[in-house]
C-alpha atoms as a PDB file:
ATOM      1  CA  MET A   1      65.723 -17.686  10.466  1.00  0.00           C
ATOM      2  CA  LYS A   2      66.650 -20.748  12.567  1.00  0.00           C
ATOM      3  CA  TYR A   3      68.346 -23.245  10.287  1.00  0.00           C
ATOM      4  CA  VAL A   4      71.439 -23.251   8.095  1.00  0.00           C
ATOM      5  CA  SER A   5      69.408 -24.179   5.009  1.00  0.00           C
ATOM      6  CA  GLU A   6      67.562 -20.866   5.214  1.00  0.00           C
ATOM      7  CA  PHE A   7      70.851 -19.021   4.804  1.00  0.00           C
ATOM      8  CA  ARG A   8      71.526 -21.008   1.607  1.00  0.00           C
ATOM      9  CA  ASN A   9      68.136 -20.470  -0.015  1.00  0.00           C
ATOM     10  CA  GLU A  10      68.642 -20.185  -3.787  1.00  0.00           C
ATOM     11  CA  SER A  11      65.689 -17.888  -4.486  1.00  0.00           C
ATOM     12  CA  VAL A  12      66.704 -15.479  -1.717  1.00  0.00           C
ATOM     13  CA  ALA A  13      70.282 -15.491  -2.984  1.00  0.00           C
ATOM     14  CA  LYS A  14      69.132 -14.652  -6.515  1.00  0.00           C
ATOM     15  CA  PHE A  15      66.915 -11.851  -5.203  1.00  0.00           C
ATOM     16  CA  LEU A  16      69.816 -10.324  -3.251  1.00  0.00           C
ATOM     17  CA  ALA A  17      72.146 -10.654  -6.245  1.00  0.00           C
ATOM     18  CA  GLN A  18      69.596  -8.936  -8.497  1.00  0.00           C
ATOM     19  CA  SER A  19      69.209  -6.170  -5.927  1.00  0.00           C
ATOM     20  CA  ILE A  20      72.977  -5.650  -5.905  1.00  0.00           C
ATOM     21  CA  CYS A  21      73.012  -5.440  -9.706  1.00  0.00           C
ATOM     22  CA  GLN A  22      70.251  -2.851  -9.615  1.00  0.00           C
ATOM     23  CA  GLU A  23      71.967  -0.743  -6.959  1.00  0.00           C
ATOM     24  CA  VAL A  24      75.444  -0.594  -8.526  1.00  0.00           C
ATOM     25  CA  THR A  25      75.889   2.401 -10.834  1.00  0.00           C
ATOM     26  CA  ARG A  26      79.667   2.791 -10.824  1.00  0.00           C
ATOM     27  CA  PRO A  27      82.810   0.699 -10.136  1.00  0.00           C
ATOM     28  CA  TRP A  28      83.370  -0.270  -6.509  1.00  0.00           C
ATOM     29  CA  THR A  29      85.963  -2.433  -4.774  1.00  0.00           C
ATOM     30  CA  ILE A  30      84.981  -4.334  -1.627  1.00  0.00           C
ATOM     31  CA  MET A  31      87.246  -6.607   0.396  1.00  0.00           C
ATOM     32  CA  GLU A  32      86.003  -9.472   2.542  1.00  0.00           C
ATOM     33  CA  VAL A  33      88.329  -9.591   5.527  1.00  0.00           C
ATOM     34  CA  CYS A  34      87.965 -13.218   6.587  1.00  0.00           C
ATOM     35  CA  GLY A  35      89.175 -16.376   4.887  1.00  0.00           C
ATOM     36  CA  GLY A  36      85.935 -18.098   5.909  1.00  0.00           C
ATOM     37  CA  GLN A  37      84.003 -15.588   3.829  1.00  0.00           C
ATOM     38  CA  THR A  38      86.416 -16.107   0.935  1.00  0.00           C
ATOM     39  CA  HIS A  39      85.783 -19.847   1.145  1.00  0.00           C
ATOM     40  CA  ALA A  40      82.006 -19.345   0.993  1.00  0.00           C
ATOM     41  CA  ILE A  41      82.233 -16.908  -1.928  1.00  0.00           C
ATOM     42  CA  VAL A  42      84.274 -19.379  -3.972  1.00  0.00           C
ATOM     43  CA  LYS A  43      82.403 -22.513  -2.841  1.00  0.00           C
ATOM     44  CA  TYR A  44      78.995 -21.144  -3.764  1.00  0.00           C
ATOM     45  CA  GLY A  45      80.159 -19.099  -6.765  1.00  0.00           C
ATOM     46  CA  LEU A  46      78.741 -15.891  -5.319  1.00  0.00           C
ATOM     47  CA  HIS A  47      81.163 -13.740  -7.314  1.00  0.00           C
ATOM     48  CA  THR A  48      79.565 -15.009 -10.538  1.00  0.00           C
ATOM     49  CA  LEU A  49      76.239 -13.460  -9.507  1.00  0.00           C
ATOM     50  CA  LEU A  50      77.626  -9.949  -9.155  1.00  0.00           C
ATOM     51  CA  PRO A  51      78.009  -7.169 -11.760  1.00  0.00           C
ATOM     52  CA  GLN A  52      81.431  -6.826 -13.378  1.00  0.00           C
ATOM     53  CA  SER A  53      81.768  -3.291 -12.086  1.00  0.00           C
ATOM     54  CA  LEU A  54      81.700  -4.602  -8.513  1.00  0.00           C
ATOM     55  CA  ARG A  55      85.101  -6.000  -7.628  1.00  0.00           C
ATOM     56  CA  ILE A  56      85.334  -8.370  -4.655  1.00  0.00           C
ATOM     57  CA  ILE A  57      88.895  -8.988  -3.511  1.00  0.00           C
ATOM     58  CA  HIS A  58      90.193 -11.357  -0.843  1.00  0.00           C
ATOM     59  CA  GLY A  59      91.532  -9.919   2.381  1.00  0.00           C
ATOM     60  CA  PRO A  60      94.198 -10.723   4.966  1.00  0.00           C
ATOM     61  CA  GLY A  61      93.154 -14.375   5.083  1.00  0.00           C
ATOM     62  CA  CYS A  62      93.350 -16.788   7.995  1.00  0.00           C
ATOM     63  CA  PRO A  63      95.553 -16.988  11.114  1.00  0.00           C
ATOM     64  CA  VAL A  64      97.432 -19.910   9.605  1.00  0.00           C
ATOM     65  CA  CYS A  65      98.422 -17.783   6.626  1.00  0.00           C
ATOM     66  CA  VAL A  66      99.536 -14.728   8.596  1.00  0.00           C
ATOM     67  CA  THR A  67     101.547 -16.374  11.405  1.00  0.00           C
ATOM     68  CA  PRO A  68     105.090 -14.962  11.031  1.00  0.00           C
ATOM     69  CA  LEU A  69     107.901 -17.180   9.796  1.00  0.00           C
ATOM     70  CA  GLU A  70     109.926 -16.488  12.940  1.00  0.00           C
ATOM     71  CA  VAL A  71     107.119 -17.806  15.150  1.00  0.00           C
ATOM     72  CA  ILE A  72     106.922 -21.052  13.138  1.00  0.00           C
ATOM     73  CA  ASP A  73     110.686 -21.470  13.552  1.00  0.00           C
ATOM     74  CA  ARG A  74     110.380 -20.852  17.300  1.00  0.00           C
ATOM     75  CA  ALA A  75     107.584 -23.425  17.529  1.00  0.00           C
ATOM     76  CA  GLN A  76     109.806 -26.025  15.885  1.00  0.00           C
ATOM     77  CA  GLN A  77     112.679 -25.251  18.261  1.00  0.00           C
ATOM     78  CA  ILE A  78     110.416 -25.656  21.282  1.00  0.00           C
ATOM     79  CA  ALA A  79     108.888 -28.879  19.933  1.00  0.00           C
ATOM     80  CA  ARG A  80     112.339 -30.453  19.702  1.00  0.00           C
ATOM     81  CA  ILE A  81     113.014 -30.024  23.450  1.00  0.00           C
ATOM     82  CA  PRO A  82     113.239 -33.441  25.189  1.00  0.00           C
ATOM     83  CA  ASN A  83     110.442 -34.480  27.557  1.00  0.00           C
ATOM     84  CA  LEU A  84     108.126 -31.827  26.136  1.00  0.00           C
ATOM     85  CA  VAL A  85     104.703 -32.186  24.531  1.00  0.00           C
ATOM     86  CA  PHE A  86     103.973 -29.559  21.884  1.00  0.00           C
ATOM     87  CA  THR A  87     100.263 -29.196  21.128  1.00  0.00           C
ATOM     88  CA  SER A  88      98.725 -27.387  18.176  1.00  0.00           C
ATOM     89  CA  PHE A  89      95.707 -27.139  15.940  1.00  0.00           C
ATOM     90  CA  GLY A  90      96.178 -29.514  13.025  1.00  0.00           C
ATOM     91  CA  ASP A  91      96.234 -26.853  10.303  1.00  0.00           C
ATOM     92  CA  MET A  92      99.446 -25.369  11.737  1.00  0.00           C
ATOM     93  CA  LEU A  93     101.499 -28.529  11.226  1.00  0.00           C
ATOM     94  CA  ARG A  94     102.076 -27.996   7.511  1.00  0.00           C
ATOM     95  CA  VAL A  95     102.832 -24.257   7.661  1.00  0.00           C
ATOM     96  CA  PRO A  96     106.446 -23.869   6.486  1.00  0.00           C
ATOM     97  CA  GLY A  97     109.116 -22.182   8.547  1.00  0.00           C
ATOM     98  CA  SER A  98     112.552 -21.236   7.258  1.00  0.00           C
ATOM     99  CA  ASN A  99     113.609 -24.823   6.593  1.00  0.00           C
ATOM    100  CA  SER A 100     110.901 -27.205   7.752  1.00  0.00           C
ATOM    101  CA  ASP A 101     107.414 -27.564   9.240  1.00  0.00           C
ATOM    102  CA  LEU A 102     105.999 -29.068  12.429  1.00  0.00           C
ATOM    103  CA  LEU A 103     104.815 -32.199  10.642  1.00  0.00           C
ATOM    104  CA  THR A 104     108.386 -32.969   9.604  1.00  0.00           C
ATOM    105  CA  VAL A 105     109.633 -32.264  13.119  1.00  0.00           C
ATOM    106  CA  LYS A 106     106.985 -34.703  14.420  1.00  0.00           C
ATOM    107  CA  ALA A 107     108.157 -37.356  11.944  1.00  0.00           C
ATOM    108  CA  GLN A 108     111.675 -36.865  13.260  1.00  0.00           C
ATOM    109  CA  GLY A 109     110.542 -37.891  16.739  1.00  0.00           C
ATOM    110  CA  ALA A 110     109.216 -34.795  18.472  1.00  0.00           C
ATOM    111  CA  ASP A 111     106.116 -35.305  20.648  1.00  0.00           C
ATOM    112  CA  ILE A 112     103.713 -33.066  18.741  1.00  0.00           C
ATOM    113  CA  ARG A 113     100.005 -33.670  19.287  1.00  0.00           C
ATOM    114  CA  ILE A 114      96.994 -32.239  17.479  1.00  0.00           C
ATOM    115  CA  VAL A 115      94.337 -30.741  19.754  1.00  0.00           C
ATOM    116  CA  TYR A 116      90.987 -29.146  18.988  1.00  0.00           C
ATOM    117  CA  SER A 117      91.010 -26.728  21.911  1.00  0.00           C
ATOM    118  CA  PRO A 118      93.610 -25.303  24.308  1.00  0.00           C
ATOM    119  CA  LEU A 119      91.605 -27.064  27.012  1.00  0.00           C
ATOM    120  CA  ASP A 120      92.663 -30.358  25.413  1.00  0.00           C
ATOM    121  CA  ALA A 121      96.273 -29.300  25.944  1.00  0.00           C
ATOM    122  CA  LEU A 122      95.417 -28.421  29.532  1.00  0.00           C
ATOM    123  CA  LYS A 123      94.099 -31.950  30.117  1.00  0.00           C
ATOM    124  CA  ILE A 124      97.367 -33.391  28.788  1.00  0.00           C
ATOM    125  CA  ALA A 125      99.329 -31.204  31.213  1.00  0.00           C
ATOM    126  CA  GLU A 126      97.111 -32.336  34.075  1.00  0.00           C
ATOM    127  CA  SER A 127      97.518 -36.041  33.266  1.00  0.00           C
ATOM    128  CA  GLU A 128     101.223 -35.938  32.364  1.00  0.00           C
ATOM    129  CA  ARG A 129     102.713 -33.702  35.034  1.00  0.00           C
ATOM    130  CA  ASP A 130     106.205 -35.090  34.484  1.00  0.00           C
ATOM    131  CA  LYS A 131     106.290 -33.372  31.061  1.00  0.00           C
ATOM    132  CA  GLN A 132     106.192 -29.760  29.979  1.00  0.00           C
ATOM    133  CA  VAL A 133     103.176 -29.101  27.755  1.00  0.00           C
ATOM    134  CA  VAL A 134     103.129 -26.160  25.359  1.00  0.00           C
ATOM    135  CA  PHE A 135     100.087 -24.991  23.428  1.00  0.00           C
ATOM    136  CA  PHE A 136     100.591 -23.088  20.165  1.00  0.00           C
ATOM    137  CA  GLY A 137      98.105 -20.202  20.521  1.00  0.00           C
ATOM    138  CA  VAL A 138      97.319 -18.792  17.086  1.00  0.00           C
ATOM    139  CA  GLY A 139      94.376 -16.921  15.645  1.00  0.00           C
ATOM    140  CA  PHE A 140      92.617 -13.587  15.599  1.00  0.00           C
ATOM    141  CA  GLU A 141      90.504 -12.139  18.399  1.00  0.00           C
ATOM    142  CA  THR A 142      88.183 -15.108  17.854  1.00  0.00           C
ATOM    143  CA  THR A 143      90.442 -17.748  19.427  1.00  0.00           C
ATOM    144  CA  ALA A 144      92.247 -15.465  21.895  1.00  0.00           C
ATOM    145  CA  PRO A 145      89.588 -15.868  24.640  1.00  0.00           C
ATOM    146  CA  THR A 146      89.842 -19.674  24.660  1.00  0.00           C
ATOM    147  CA  THR A 147      93.620 -19.499  24.971  1.00  0.00           C
ATOM    148  CA  ALA A 148      93.257 -16.920  27.737  1.00  0.00           C
ATOM    149  CA  SER A 149      90.758 -19.163  29.531  1.00  0.00           C
ATOM    150  CA  ALA A 150      93.175 -22.100  29.398  1.00  0.00           C
ATOM    151  CA  ILE A 151      95.906 -19.928  30.934  1.00  0.00           C
ATOM    152  CA  LEU A 152      93.563 -18.769  33.705  1.00  0.00           C
ATOM    153  CA  PHE A 153      92.457 -22.364  34.404  1.00  0.00           C
ATOM    154  CA  ALA A 154      96.094 -23.510  34.516  1.00  0.00           C
ATOM    155  CA  HIS A 155      96.812 -20.805  37.083  1.00  0.00           C
ATOM    156  CA  GLN A 156      93.837 -21.882  39.204  1.00  0.00           C
ATOM    157  CA  MET A 157      94.915 -25.528  38.975  1.00  0.00           C
ATOM    158  CA  LYS A 158      98.529 -24.600  39.819  1.00  0.00           C
ATOM    159  CA  LEU A 159      99.803 -26.424  36.714  1.00  0.00           C
ATOM    160  CA  ALA A 160     103.461 -25.437  36.531  1.00  0.00           C
ATOM    161  CA  ASN A 161     104.012 -27.626  33.447  1.00  0.00           C
ATOM    162  CA  PHE A 162     101.639 -25.758  31.099  1.00  0.00           C
ATOM    163  CA  SER A 163     102.633 -22.837  28.922  1.00  0.00           C
ATOM    164  CA  VAL A 164     101.594 -21.140  25.692  1.00  0.00           C
ATOM    165  CA  LEU A 165     103.485 -19.921  22.650  1.00  0.00           C
ATOM    166  CA  VAL A 166     101.294 -16.919  21.803  1.00  0.00           C
ATOM    167  CA  SER A 167     100.803 -15.734  18.241  1.00  0.00           C
ATOM    168  CA  HIS A 168      97.395 -14.084  18.364  1.00  0.00           C
ATOM    169  CA  VAL A 169      96.898 -11.131  16.039  1.00  0.00           C
ATOM    170  CA  ARG A 170      94.333  -8.342  15.732  1.00  0.00           C
ATOM    171  CA  VAL A 171      92.379  -7.467  12.589  1.00  0.00           C
ATOM    172  CA  PRO A 172      91.974  -3.640  12.749  1.00  0.00           C
ATOM    173  CA  PRO A 173      95.724  -2.818  12.559  1.00  0.00           C
ATOM    174  CA  ALA A 174      96.063  -4.895   9.371  1.00  0.00           C
ATOM    175  CA  MET A 175      93.038  -3.171   7.862  1.00  0.00           C
ATOM    176  CA  GLU A 176      94.497   0.233   8.652  1.00  0.00           C
ATOM    177  CA  MET A 177      97.793  -0.777   7.045  1.00  0.00           C
ATOM    178  CA  LEU A 178      95.909  -1.611   3.848  1.00  0.00           C
ATOM    179  CA  LEU A 179      93.917   1.629   3.944  1.00  0.00           C
ATOM    180  CA  SER A 180      97.002   3.773   4.520  1.00  0.00           C
ATOM    181  CA  ALA A 181      98.872   2.319   1.515  1.00  0.00           C
ATOM    182  CA  SER A 182      99.575   4.835  -1.232  1.00  0.00           C
ATOM    183  CA  ASP A 183      97.964   2.589  -3.863  1.00  0.00           C
ATOM    184  CA  ASN A 184      94.871   1.749  -1.796  1.00  0.00           C
ATOM    185  CA  GLN A 185      91.772   1.270  -3.987  1.00  0.00           C
ATOM    186  CA  LEU A 186      89.339  -0.081  -1.404  1.00  0.00           C
ATOM    187  CA  HIS A 187      85.900   1.424  -0.972  1.00  0.00           C
ATOM    188  CA  GLY A 188      84.377  -1.018   1.523  1.00  0.00           C
ATOM    189  CA  PHE A 189      84.970  -3.949   3.866  1.00  0.00           C
ATOM    190  CA  LEU A 190      82.931  -6.982   4.838  1.00  0.00           C
ATOM    191  CA  LEU A 191      84.049  -7.389   8.453  1.00  0.00           C
ATOM    192  CA  ALA A 192      84.682 -10.809   9.982  1.00  0.00           C
ATOM    193  CA  GLY A 193      81.553 -11.770  11.894  1.00  0.00           C
ATOM    194  CA  HIS A 194      83.243 -14.150  14.348  1.00  0.00           C
ATOM    195  CA  VAL A 195      85.879 -11.576  15.330  1.00  0.00           C
ATOM    196  CA  CYS A 196      83.141  -9.017  15.958  1.00  0.00           C
ATOM    197  CA  THR A 197      81.161 -11.592  17.955  1.00  0.00           C
ATOM    198  CA  VAL A 198      83.987 -11.461  20.494  1.00  0.00           C
ATOM    199  CA  MET A 199      85.224  -7.873  20.215  1.00  0.00           C
ATOM    200  CA  GLY A 200      82.183  -6.028  18.914  1.00  0.00           C
ATOM    201  CA  TYR A 201      82.604  -3.414  16.224  1.00  0.00           C
ATOM    202  CA  SER A 202      82.834  -0.092  18.046  1.00  0.00           C
ATOM    203  CA  GLU A 203      86.540   0.320  17.264  1.00  0.00           C
ATOM    204  CA  TYR A 204      85.873   0.098  13.507  1.00  0.00           C
ATOM    205  CA  HIS A 205      84.006   3.416  13.491  1.00  0.00           C
ATOM    206  CA  ALA A 206      87.341   5.252  13.661  1.00  0.00           C
ATOM    207  CA  LEU A 207      88.446   3.611  10.390  1.00  0.00           C
ATOM    208  CA  SER A 208      85.271   4.721   8.609  1.00  0.00           C
ATOM    209  CA  GLU A 209      85.719   8.275   9.841  1.00  0.00           C
ATOM    210  CA  LYS A 210      89.440   8.476   9.062  1.00  0.00           C
ATOM    211  CA  TYR A 211      89.419   6.778   5.646  1.00  0.00           C
ATOM    212  CA  HIS A 212      85.774   7.266   4.565  1.00  0.00           C
ATOM    213  CA  ILE A 213      85.412   3.501   4.187  1.00  0.00           C
ATOM    214  CA  ALA A 214      82.099   1.616   4.226  1.00  0.00           C
ATOM    215  CA  GLN A 215      82.051  -1.403   6.543  1.00  0.00           C
ATOM    216  CA  VAL A 216      79.494  -4.134   7.190  1.00  0.00           C
ATOM    217  CA  VAL A 217      79.833  -6.845   9.835  1.00  0.00           C
ATOM    218  CA  THR A 218      78.962  -9.971   7.848  1.00  0.00           C
ATOM    219  CA  GLY A 219      78.327 -13.662   8.503  1.00  0.00           C
ATOM    220  CA  PHE A 220      79.560 -16.659   6.534  1.00  0.00           C
ATOM    221  CA  GLU A 221      76.617 -18.211   4.730  1.00  0.00           C
ATOM    222  CA  PRO A 222      75.672 -17.211   1.140  1.00  0.00           C
ATOM    223  CA  ILE A 223      72.701 -15.098   2.269  1.00  0.00           C
ATOM    224  CA  ASP A 224      74.859 -13.380   4.893  1.00  0.00           C
ATOM    225  CA  ILE A 225      77.522 -12.459   2.375  1.00  0.00           C
ATOM    226  CA  LEU A 226      75.173 -11.264  -0.355  1.00  0.00           C
ATOM    227  CA  GLU A 227      73.199  -9.179   2.119  1.00  0.00           C
ATOM    228  CA  GLY A 228      76.455  -7.754   3.498  1.00  0.00           C
ATOM    229  CA  ILE A 229      77.557  -6.804  -0.014  1.00  0.00           C
ATOM    230  CA  LEU A 230      74.167  -5.185  -0.697  1.00  0.00           C
ATOM    231  CA  MET A 231      74.366  -3.155   2.515  1.00  0.00           C
ATOM    232  CA  CYS A 232      77.903  -2.067   1.655  1.00  0.00           C
ATOM    233  CA  VAL A 233      76.920  -1.094  -1.902  1.00  0.00           C
ATOM    234  CA  ARG A 234      74.002   0.965  -0.629  1.00  0.00           C
ATOM    235  CA  GLN A 235      76.375   2.854   1.641  1.00  0.00           C
ATOM    236  CA  LEU A 236      78.747   3.532  -1.225  1.00  0.00           C
ATOM    237  CA  GLU A 237      76.063   4.591  -3.671  1.00  0.00           C
ATOM    238  CA  SER A 238      74.627   7.048  -1.144  1.00  0.00           C
ATOM    239  CA  GLY A 239      78.030   8.476  -0.223  1.00  0.00           C
ATOM    240  CA  ARG A 240      77.932   7.170   3.344  1.00  0.00           C
ATOM    241  CA  ALA A 241      80.863   5.662   5.239  1.00  0.00           C
ATOM    242  CA  THR A 242      79.865   3.968   8.467  1.00  0.00           C
ATOM    243  CA  VAL A 243      79.757   0.570  10.198  1.00  0.00           C
ATOM    244  CA  GLU A 244      76.594  -1.515   9.848  1.00  0.00           C
ATOM    245  CA  ASN A 245      75.796  -4.934  11.293  1.00  0.00           C
ATOM    246  CA  GLN A 246      74.381  -7.620   9.000  1.00  0.00           C
ATOM    247  CA  TYR A 247      75.292 -10.371  11.506  1.00  0.00           C
ATOM    248  CA  SER A 248      72.964  -9.048  14.195  1.00  0.00           C
ATOM    249  CA  ARG A 249      71.831 -12.534  15.240  1.00  0.00           C
ATOM    250  CA  LEU A 250      75.214 -12.992  16.917  1.00  0.00           C
ATOM    251  CA  VAL A 251      77.083  -9.679  17.017  1.00  0.00           C
ATOM    252  CA  GLN A 252      76.547  -6.787  19.399  1.00  0.00           C
ATOM    253  CA  GLU A 253      78.381  -3.500  19.034  1.00  0.00           C
ATOM    254  CA  GLN A 254      80.164  -3.860  22.379  1.00  0.00           C
ATOM    255  CA  GLY A 255      81.027  -7.536  21.857  1.00  0.00           C
ATOM    256  CA  ASN A 256      81.182 -10.335  24.412  1.00  0.00           C
ATOM    257  CA  ALA A 257      82.065  -8.832  27.793  1.00  0.00           C
ATOM    258  CA  ARG A 258      83.188 -12.116  29.397  1.00  0.00           C
ATOM    259  CA  ALA A 259      85.458 -12.998  26.479  1.00  0.00           C
ATOM    260  CA  MET A 260      87.032  -9.559  26.442  1.00  0.00           C
ATOM    261  CA  ALA A 261      87.545  -9.681  30.208  1.00  0.00           C
ATOM    262  CA  ALA A 262      89.510 -12.940  29.832  1.00  0.00           C
ATOM    263  CA  ILE A 263      91.653 -11.358  27.121  1.00  0.00           C
ATOM    264  CA  GLU A 264      92.371  -8.286  29.251  1.00  0.00           C
ATOM    265  CA  LYS A 265      93.408 -10.433  32.225  1.00  0.00           C
ATOM    266  CA  VAL A 266      95.983 -12.385  30.241  1.00  0.00           C
ATOM    267  CA  TYR A 267      97.295 -10.424  27.274  1.00  0.00           C
ATOM    268  CA  GLU A 268      99.196  -7.230  26.837  1.00  0.00           C
ATOM    269  CA  ILE A 269      98.373  -5.734  23.430  1.00  0.00           C
ATOM    270  CA  SER A 270     101.427  -4.824  21.354  1.00  0.00           C
ATOM    271  CA  ASP A 271     102.384  -4.443  17.722  1.00  0.00           C
ATOM    272  CA  MET A 272     102.984  -7.767  15.992  1.00  0.00           C
ATOM    273  CA  GLU A 273     104.114  -8.642  12.519  1.00  0.00           C
ATOM    274  CA  TRP A 274     101.890 -10.496  10.059  1.00  0.00           C
ATOM    275  CA  ARG A 275     103.324 -12.917   7.562  1.00  0.00           C
ATOM    276  CA  GLY A 276     103.258 -11.134   4.185  1.00  0.00           C
ATOM    277  CA  LEU A 277     102.814  -7.604   5.569  1.00  0.00           C
END
């Protein structure tokens, strides 16, 4: 397959949905980890094609949703500092803190600018060296490499006026928290394809072994998701619990070596709170 339209083919989607219906013989609960997958499921009505005994529930969500309240408050405090440019992805501006959000702080006079990449923030720092420029680094393992790259470039360029408020989070610890809950009812996961594009999926094997959970690395188009569900169901029906890769056109088990090298150069991994957990 080469084109997006092929991953939205109605006849293929119906065939996969029928195959899922034929495979399911008992109740199962599968969680899609990523908010992008949730969006596709709802947008294309994929849940309406599935048997009632197969429960699809929405997972941890998106980085915007899980960024801790305290970090949002800290971002607002930094943004209010005189002679400072605070840069952020646009979807973070409306996320509420304890009393306000960044959009309100901007309306009150703070120099808050929307960027589409941390490299955009780097360009601002390079062109406005009389101001401190802060980039709000949020996201899962997917966006961590780009933030890390910006930090490495800033070091090479000797930009003393560029810094980052880091709020990157990792997916596996949140999944393990869900699996270890006393009321856990999950049987399988659809893993976030873009996260696994960066990090690979080797570390997820431990979760399958420890919790006997079926996992399938899955893409974001309707065909991707339905095929991922079918692969997960087949695992469950056969009593298997392993990690399979539906998103093989982009994901390798060991991930992207260059991206992971950038992460390792910049970040120190530590426990971090998620909003709502």
